[in-house]
Amino acid sequence: MLKQILIGGLLGGITLFFWGFISWAAMDWHSNTLQSHEGVNAIVENIEQQLPETGVYYFPPMTFERSDTEAMENWIKLHESAPHGMIFYTAEPGEVMPPSRLLRGFLVDLIASMMATILLVIALPSLSGYWSRVFYVLGLGVFAVMSVHLVNGVFHDMPATWTVGVGLDLTASWLFVGLVLGSIIKDK
């Protein structure tokens, strides 16, 4: 079983990593997922003077105590009458895609695939054949989409283009991992 988990984790991790490269670097289907616009330059001009620390920032910001009912009412009115959103911000300049990020990404893919392999091994007695194993792993991916991306889409007003784009990408990645794991993880 340990051998299956290690081999499944490695091959699944390679599959996830390779699909991530194809999906984001070689295909053009994420052009609506992550948008670029010249107006962003005006927004981020001098951003380092306004946001000195790396973090996730919500705007309009809640710069008051929640117990301050008047400030809360004003914030709600502002939220209802003006744009709002989140800024994912890294204060430190850096390379676009340094090798260390690629390595960390691969390690995360490897760990995720090992976890899927463990769950698949546990479920094997109830899975009748290759396609049931494939769809089981695909189901893990769909679960991740629903429990993370759809929930974020609802509660953080993530644009539908983002939610659909990353959701389809994640679903496809776990379908491919399912095709790989389904062929190598079998009942003894």
C-alpha atoms as a PDB file:
ATOM      1  CA  MET A   1       0.000   0.000   0.000  1.00  0.00           C
ATOM      2  CA  LEU A   2       2.828   2.441   0.825  1.00  0.00           C
ATOM      3  CA  LYS A   3       4.368   1.764  -2.573  1.00  0.00           C
ATOM      4  CA  GLN A   4       1.029   2.552  -4.266  1.00  0.00           C
ATOM      5  CA  ILE A   5       0.715   5.795  -2.310  1.00  0.00           C
ATOM      6  CA  LEU A   6       4.241   6.897  -3.196  1.00  0.00           C
ATOM      7  CA  ILE A   7       3.938   5.973  -6.875  1.00  0.00           C
ATOM      8  CA  GLY A   8       0.415   7.407  -7.114  1.00  0.00           C
ATOM      9  CA  GLY A   9       1.480  10.572  -5.341  1.00  0.00           C
ATOM     10  CA  LEU A  10       4.469  11.032  -7.624  1.00  0.00           C
ATOM     11  CA  LEU A  11       2.684  10.305 -10.914  1.00  0.00           C
ATOM     12  CA  GLY A  12      -0.403  12.258  -9.871  1.00  0.00           C
ATOM     13  CA  GLY A  13       1.777  15.168  -8.732  1.00  0.00           C
ATOM     14  CA  ILE A  14       3.571  15.189 -12.078  1.00  0.00           C
ATOM     15  CA  THR A  15       0.189  15.114 -13.835  1.00  0.00           C
ATOM     16  CA  LEU A  16      -1.123  18.054 -11.775  1.00  0.00           C
ATOM     17  CA  PHE A  17       2.041  20.071 -12.337  1.00  0.00           C
ATOM     18  CA  PHE A  18       2.157  19.345 -16.068  1.00  0.00           C
ATOM     19  CA  TRP A  19      -1.540  20.195 -16.490  1.00  0.00           C
ATOM     20  CA  GLY A  20      -1.025  23.435 -14.558  1.00  0.00           C
ATOM     21  CA  PHE A  21       1.701  24.446 -16.994  1.00  0.00           C
ATOM     22  CA  ILE A  22      -0.389  23.516 -20.043  1.00  0.00           C
ATOM     23  CA  SER A  23      -3.485  25.219 -18.642  1.00  0.00           C
ATOM     24  CA  TRP A  24      -1.894  28.505 -17.574  1.00  0.00           C
ATOM     25  CA  ALA A  25       1.103  28.891 -19.901  1.00  0.00           C
ATOM     26  CA  ALA A  26       0.333  27.074 -23.138  1.00  0.00           C
ATOM     27  CA  MET A  27      -3.438  27.496 -23.534  1.00  0.00           C
ATOM     28  CA  ASP A  28      -5.332  30.763 -23.881  1.00  0.00           C
ATOM     29  CA  TRP A  29      -8.419  29.748 -21.964  1.00  0.00           C
ATOM     30  CA  HIS A  30      -7.592  31.679 -18.762  1.00  0.00           C
ATOM     31  CA  SER A  31      -7.741  35.089 -20.476  1.00  0.00           C
ATOM     32  CA  ASN A  32     -11.109  35.702 -18.785  1.00  0.00           C
ATOM     33  CA  THR A  33     -10.087  34.092 -15.494  1.00  0.00           C
ATOM     34  CA  LEU A  34      -7.303  36.551 -14.715  1.00  0.00           C
ATOM     35  CA  GLN A  35      -7.925  39.855 -16.443  1.00  0.00           C
ATOM     36  CA  SER A  36      -5.483  42.603 -17.389  1.00  0.00           C
ATOM     37  CA  HIS A  37      -6.480  46.220 -17.958  1.00  0.00           C
ATOM     38  CA  GLU A  38      -4.486  49.451 -18.321  1.00  0.00           C
ATOM     39  CA  GLY A  39      -6.566  51.008 -15.533  1.00  0.00           C
ATOM     40  CA  VAL A  40      -4.806  48.774 -13.023  1.00  0.00           C
ATOM     41  CA  ASN A  41      -1.629  50.842 -13.463  1.00  0.00           C
ATOM     42  CA  ALA A  42      -3.368  53.945 -12.089  1.00  0.00           C
ATOM     43  CA  ILE A  43      -4.739  51.991  -9.139  1.00  0.00           C
ATOM     44  CA  VAL A  44      -1.401  50.474  -8.123  1.00  0.00           C
ATOM     45  CA  GLU A  45       0.693  53.597  -8.673  1.00  0.00           C
ATOM     46  CA  ASN A  46       2.387  54.262  -5.323  1.00  0.00           C
ATOM     47  CA  ILE A  47       0.614  51.276  -3.756  1.00  0.00           C
ATOM     48  CA  GLU A  48       3.741  50.457  -1.737  1.00  0.00           C
ATOM     49  CA  GLN A  49       3.296  53.770   0.114  1.00  0.00           C
ATOM     50  CA  GLN A  50      -0.296  52.911   0.994  1.00  0.00           C
ATOM     51  CA  LEU A  51       0.058  49.187   1.719  1.00  0.00           C
ATOM     52  CA  PRO A  52       3.445  48.527   3.295  1.00  0.00           C
ATOM     53  CA  GLU A  53       2.803  44.866   4.209  1.00  0.00           C
ATOM     54  CA  THR A  54       2.055  41.774   2.162  1.00  0.00           C
ATOM     55  CA  GLY A  55      -1.518  40.641   2.727  1.00  0.00           C
ATOM     56  CA  VAL A  56      -5.093  40.392   1.524  1.00  0.00           C
ATOM     57  CA  TYR A  57      -6.910  43.705   1.774  1.00  0.00           C
ATOM     58  CA  TYR A  58     -10.649  44.289   1.552  1.00  0.00           C
ATOM     59  CA  PHE A  59     -12.072  47.589   0.372  1.00  0.00           C
ATOM     60  CA  PRO A  60     -13.753  49.670   1.477  1.00  0.00           C
ATOM     61  CA  PRO A  61     -11.715  48.896   4.584  1.00  0.00           C
ATOM     62  CA  MET A  62     -13.236  48.404   8.020  1.00  0.00           C
ATOM     63  CA  THR A  63     -10.897  50.725   9.919  1.00  0.00           C
ATOM     64  CA  PHE A  64     -13.124  50.945  12.971  1.00  0.00           C
ATOM     65  CA  GLU A  65     -14.333  48.745  15.803  1.00  0.00           C
ATOM     66  CA  ARG A  66     -17.362  46.665  14.841  1.00  0.00           C
ATOM     67  CA  SER A  67     -19.088  47.826  18.014  1.00  0.00           C
ATOM     68  CA  ASP A  68     -19.115  51.400  16.613  1.00  0.00           C
ATOM     69  CA  THR A  69     -22.649  51.271  15.180  1.00  0.00           C
ATOM     70  CA  GLU A  70     -22.490  54.663  13.454  1.00  0.00           C
ATOM     71  CA  ALA A  71     -19.235  53.805  11.687  1.00  0.00           C
ATOM     72  CA  MET A  72     -20.677  50.408  10.741  1.00  0.00           C
ATOM     73  CA  GLU A  73     -23.793  52.018   9.245  1.00  0.00           C
ATOM     74  CA  ASN A  74     -21.625  54.437   7.241  1.00  0.00           C
ATOM     75  CA  TRP A  75     -19.450  51.565   6.038  1.00  0.00           C
ATOM     76  CA  ILE A  76     -22.517  49.566   4.958  1.00  0.00           C
ATOM     77  CA  LYS A  77     -23.815  52.576   2.993  1.00  0.00           C
ATOM     78  CA  LEU A  78     -20.416  53.003   1.341  1.00  0.00           C
ATOM     79  CA  HIS A  79     -20.253  49.286   0.561  1.00  0.00           C
ATOM     80  CA  GLU A  80     -23.724  49.432  -1.016  1.00  0.00           C
ATOM     81  CA  SER A  81     -22.979  52.544  -3.100  1.00  0.00           C
ATOM     82  CA  ALA A  82     -19.373  52.075  -4.254  1.00  0.00           C
ATOM     83  CA  PRO A  83     -17.218  49.316  -5.719  1.00  0.00           C
ATOM     84  CA  HIS A  84     -15.799  46.786  -3.295  1.00  0.00           C
ATOM     85  CA  GLY A  85     -13.327  43.973  -3.552  1.00  0.00           C
ATOM     86  CA  MET A  86     -10.164  42.293  -2.395  1.00  0.00           C
ATOM     87  CA  ILE A  87      -6.538  42.995  -3.176  1.00  0.00           C
ATOM     88  CA  PHE A  88      -4.039  40.136  -2.961  1.00  0.00           C
ATOM     89  CA  TYR A  89      -0.817  42.035  -2.488  1.00  0.00           C
ATOM     90  CA  THR A  90       2.860  41.138  -2.244  1.00  0.00           C
ATOM     91  CA  ALA A  91       4.904  44.088  -1.002  1.00  0.00           C
ATOM     92  CA  GLU A  92       8.304  42.681  -1.940  1.00  0.00           C
ATOM     93  CA  PRO A  93       9.367  42.888  -5.605  1.00  0.00           C
ATOM     94  CA  GLY A  94      10.322  39.570  -7.165  1.00  0.00           C
ATOM     95  CA  GLU A  95      10.714  37.412 -10.223  1.00  0.00           C
ATOM     96  CA  VAL A  96       7.606  36.548 -12.211  1.00  0.00           C
ATOM     97  CA  MET A  97       8.026  32.799 -11.719  1.00  0.00           C
ATOM     98  CA  PRO A  98      11.138  31.936  -9.701  1.00  0.00           C
ATOM     99  CA  PRO A  99      12.315  28.318  -9.581  1.00  0.00           C
ATOM    100  CA  SER A 100      11.504  28.174  -5.858  1.00  0.00           C
ATOM    101  CA  ARG A 101       7.812  28.855  -6.623  1.00  0.00           C
ATOM    102  CA  LEU A 102       7.791  26.083  -9.217  1.00  0.00           C
ATOM    103  CA  LEU A 103       9.356  23.703  -6.685  1.00  0.00           C
ATOM    104  CA  ARG A 104       6.841  24.676  -3.971  1.00  0.00           C
ATOM    105  CA  GLY A 105       4.014  24.238  -6.483  1.00  0.00           C
ATOM    106  CA  PHE A 106       5.231  20.780  -7.424  1.00  0.00           C
ATOM    107  CA  LEU A 107       5.546  19.772  -3.757  1.00  0.00           C
ATOM    108  CA  VAL A 108       1.979  20.915  -3.081  1.00  0.00           C
ATOM    109  CA  ASP A 109       0.786  18.958  -6.146  1.00  0.00           C
ATOM    110  CA  LEU A 110       2.693  15.915  -4.881  1.00  0.00           C
ATOM    111  CA  ILE A 111       1.138  16.122  -1.405  1.00  0.00           C
ATOM    112  CA  ALA A 112      -2.370  16.679  -2.828  1.00  0.00           C
ATOM    113  CA  SER A 113      -1.964  13.689  -5.122  1.00  0.00           C
ATOM    114  CA  MET A 114      -0.690  11.534  -2.255  1.00  0.00           C
ATOM    115  CA  MET A 115      -3.773  12.493  -0.244  1.00  0.00           C
ATOM    116  CA  ALA A 116      -6.035  11.594  -3.177  1.00  0.00           C
ATOM    117  CA  THR A 117      -4.167   8.299  -3.529  1.00  0.00           C
ATOM    118  CA  ILE A 118      -4.662   7.503   0.165  1.00  0.00           C
ATOM    119  CA  LEU A 119      -8.395   8.221  -0.127  1.00  0.00           C
ATOM    120  CA  LEU A 120      -8.598   6.129  -3.299  1.00  0.00           C
ATOM    121  CA  VAL A 121      -6.839   3.186  -1.613  1.00  0.00           C
ATOM    122  CA  ILE A 122      -9.283   3.403   1.304  1.00  0.00           C
ATOM    123  CA  ALA A 123     -12.252   3.463  -1.096  1.00  0.00           C
ATOM    124  CA  LEU A 124     -10.971   0.649  -3.366  1.00  0.00           C
ATOM    125  CA  PRO A 125     -13.186  -2.102  -1.908  1.00  0.00           C
ATOM    126  CA  SER A 126     -16.294  -0.180  -2.970  1.00  0.00           C
ATOM    127  CA  LEU A 127     -15.030   0.769  -6.449  1.00  0.00           C
ATOM    128  CA  SER A 128     -15.784  -1.824  -9.117  1.00  0.00           C
ATOM    129  CA  GLY A 129     -13.433  -0.914 -11.941  1.00  0.00           C
ATOM    130  CA  TYR A 130     -11.234   1.588 -13.731  1.00  0.00           C
ATOM    131  CA  TRP A 131     -13.911   4.196 -14.449  1.00  0.00           C
ATOM    132  CA  SER A 132     -15.262   4.086 -10.911  1.00  0.00           C
ATOM    133  CA  ARG A 133     -11.719   4.861  -9.681  1.00  0.00           C
ATOM    134  CA  VAL A 134     -11.378   7.692 -12.217  1.00  0.00           C
ATOM    135  CA  PHE A 135     -14.719   9.212 -11.223  1.00  0.00           C
ATOM    136  CA  TYR A 136     -13.902   8.839  -7.537  1.00  0.00           C
ATOM    137  CA  VAL A 137     -10.755  10.966  -7.971  1.00  0.00           C
ATOM    138  CA  LEU A 138     -12.666  13.391 -10.210  1.00  0.00           C
ATOM    139  CA  GLY A 139     -15.246  13.646  -7.416  1.00  0.00           C
ATOM    140  CA  LEU A 140     -12.499  14.734  -5.021  1.00  0.00           C
ATOM    141  CA  GLY A 141     -11.660  17.573  -7.424  1.00  0.00           C
ATOM    142  CA  VAL A 142     -15.304  18.587  -7.809  1.00  0.00           C
ATOM    143  CA  PHE A 143     -15.634  18.562  -4.011  1.00  0.00           C
ATOM    144  CA  ALA A 144     -12.623  20.909  -3.787  1.00  0.00           C
ATOM    145  CA  VAL A 145     -14.151  23.247  -6.383  1.00  0.00           C
ATOM    146  CA  MET A 146     -17.460  23.372  -4.545  1.00  0.00           C
ATOM    147  CA  SER A 147     -16.053  23.717  -1.040  1.00  0.00           C
ATOM    148  CA  VAL A 148     -13.411  26.321  -1.920  1.00  0.00           C
ATOM    149  CA  HIS A 149     -14.007  28.194  -5.156  1.00  0.00           C
ATOM    150  CA  LEU A 150     -17.816  28.251  -5.140  1.00  0.00           C
ATOM    151  CA  VAL A 151     -17.902  29.214  -1.460  1.00  0.00           C
ATOM    152  CA  ASN A 152     -15.368  32.005  -2.089  1.00  0.00           C
ATOM    153  CA  GLY A 153     -17.380  33.083  -5.108  1.00  0.00           C
ATOM    154  CA  VAL A 154     -20.474  33.449  -2.956  1.00  0.00           C
ATOM    155  CA  PHE A 155     -19.049  35.002   0.200  1.00  0.00           C
ATOM    156  CA  HIS A 156     -16.269  37.130  -1.290  1.00  0.00           C
ATOM    157  CA  ASP A 157     -18.057  38.267  -4.459  1.00  0.00           C
ATOM    158  CA  MET A 158     -15.406  36.649  -6.639  1.00  0.00           C
ATOM    159  CA  PRO A 159     -16.283  37.306 -10.285  1.00  0.00           C
ATOM    160  CA  ALA A 160     -18.004  34.422 -12.052  1.00  0.00           C
ATOM    161  CA  THR A 161     -15.252  34.432 -14.689  1.00  0.00           C
ATOM    162  CA  TRP A 162     -12.685  33.688 -11.961  1.00  0.00           C
ATOM    163  CA  THR A 163     -14.808  31.063 -10.210  1.00  0.00           C
ATOM    164  CA  VAL A 164     -15.720  29.265 -13.436  1.00  0.00           C
ATOM    165  CA  GLY A 165     -12.171  29.472 -14.808  1.00  0.00           C
ATOM    166  CA  VAL A 166     -10.405  28.065 -11.772  1.00  0.00           C
ATOM    167  CA  GLY A 167     -13.249  25.608 -11.183  1.00  0.00           C
ATOM    168  CA  LEU A 168     -13.002  24.146 -14.681  1.00  0.00           C
ATOM    169  CA  ASP A 169      -9.211  24.089 -14.443  1.00  0.00           C
ATOM    170  CA  LEU A 170      -9.274  22.243 -11.122  1.00  0.00           C
ATOM    171  CA  THR A 171     -11.924  19.808 -12.367  1.00  0.00           C
ATOM    172  CA  ALA A 172      -9.866  19.033 -15.479  1.00  0.00           C
ATOM    173  CA  SER A 173      -6.706  18.559 -13.432  1.00  0.00           C
ATOM    174  CA  TRP A 174      -8.342  15.996 -11.153  1.00  0.00           C
ATOM    175  CA  LEU A 175      -9.900  14.220 -14.132  1.00  0.00           C
ATOM    176  CA  PHE A 176      -6.396  13.746 -15.536  1.00  0.00           C
ATOM    177  CA  VAL A 177      -5.092  12.600 -12.159  1.00  0.00           C
ATOM    178  CA  GLY A 178      -8.039  10.202 -11.957  1.00  0.00           C
ATOM    179  CA  LEU A 179      -7.110   8.738 -15.340  1.00  0.00           C
ATOM    180  CA  VAL A 180      -3.568   8.155 -14.058  1.00  0.00           C
ATOM    181  CA  LEU A 181      -4.422   6.891 -10.572  1.00  0.00           C
ATOM    182  CA  GLY A 182      -7.289   4.765 -11.859  1.00  0.00           C
ATOM    183  CA  SER A 183      -4.853   2.827 -14.012  1.00  0.00           C
ATOM    184  CA  ILE A 184      -2.208   2.202 -11.339  1.00  0.00           C
ATOM    185  CA  ILE A 185      -4.119   1.963  -8.037  1.00  0.00           C
ATOM    186  CA  LYS A 186      -5.969  -1.346  -8.056  1.00  0.00           C
ATOM    187  CA  ASP A 187      -7.292  -3.852  -5.572  1.00  0.00           C
ATOM    188  CA  LYS A 188      -4.709  -6.566  -4.981  1.00  0.00           C
END
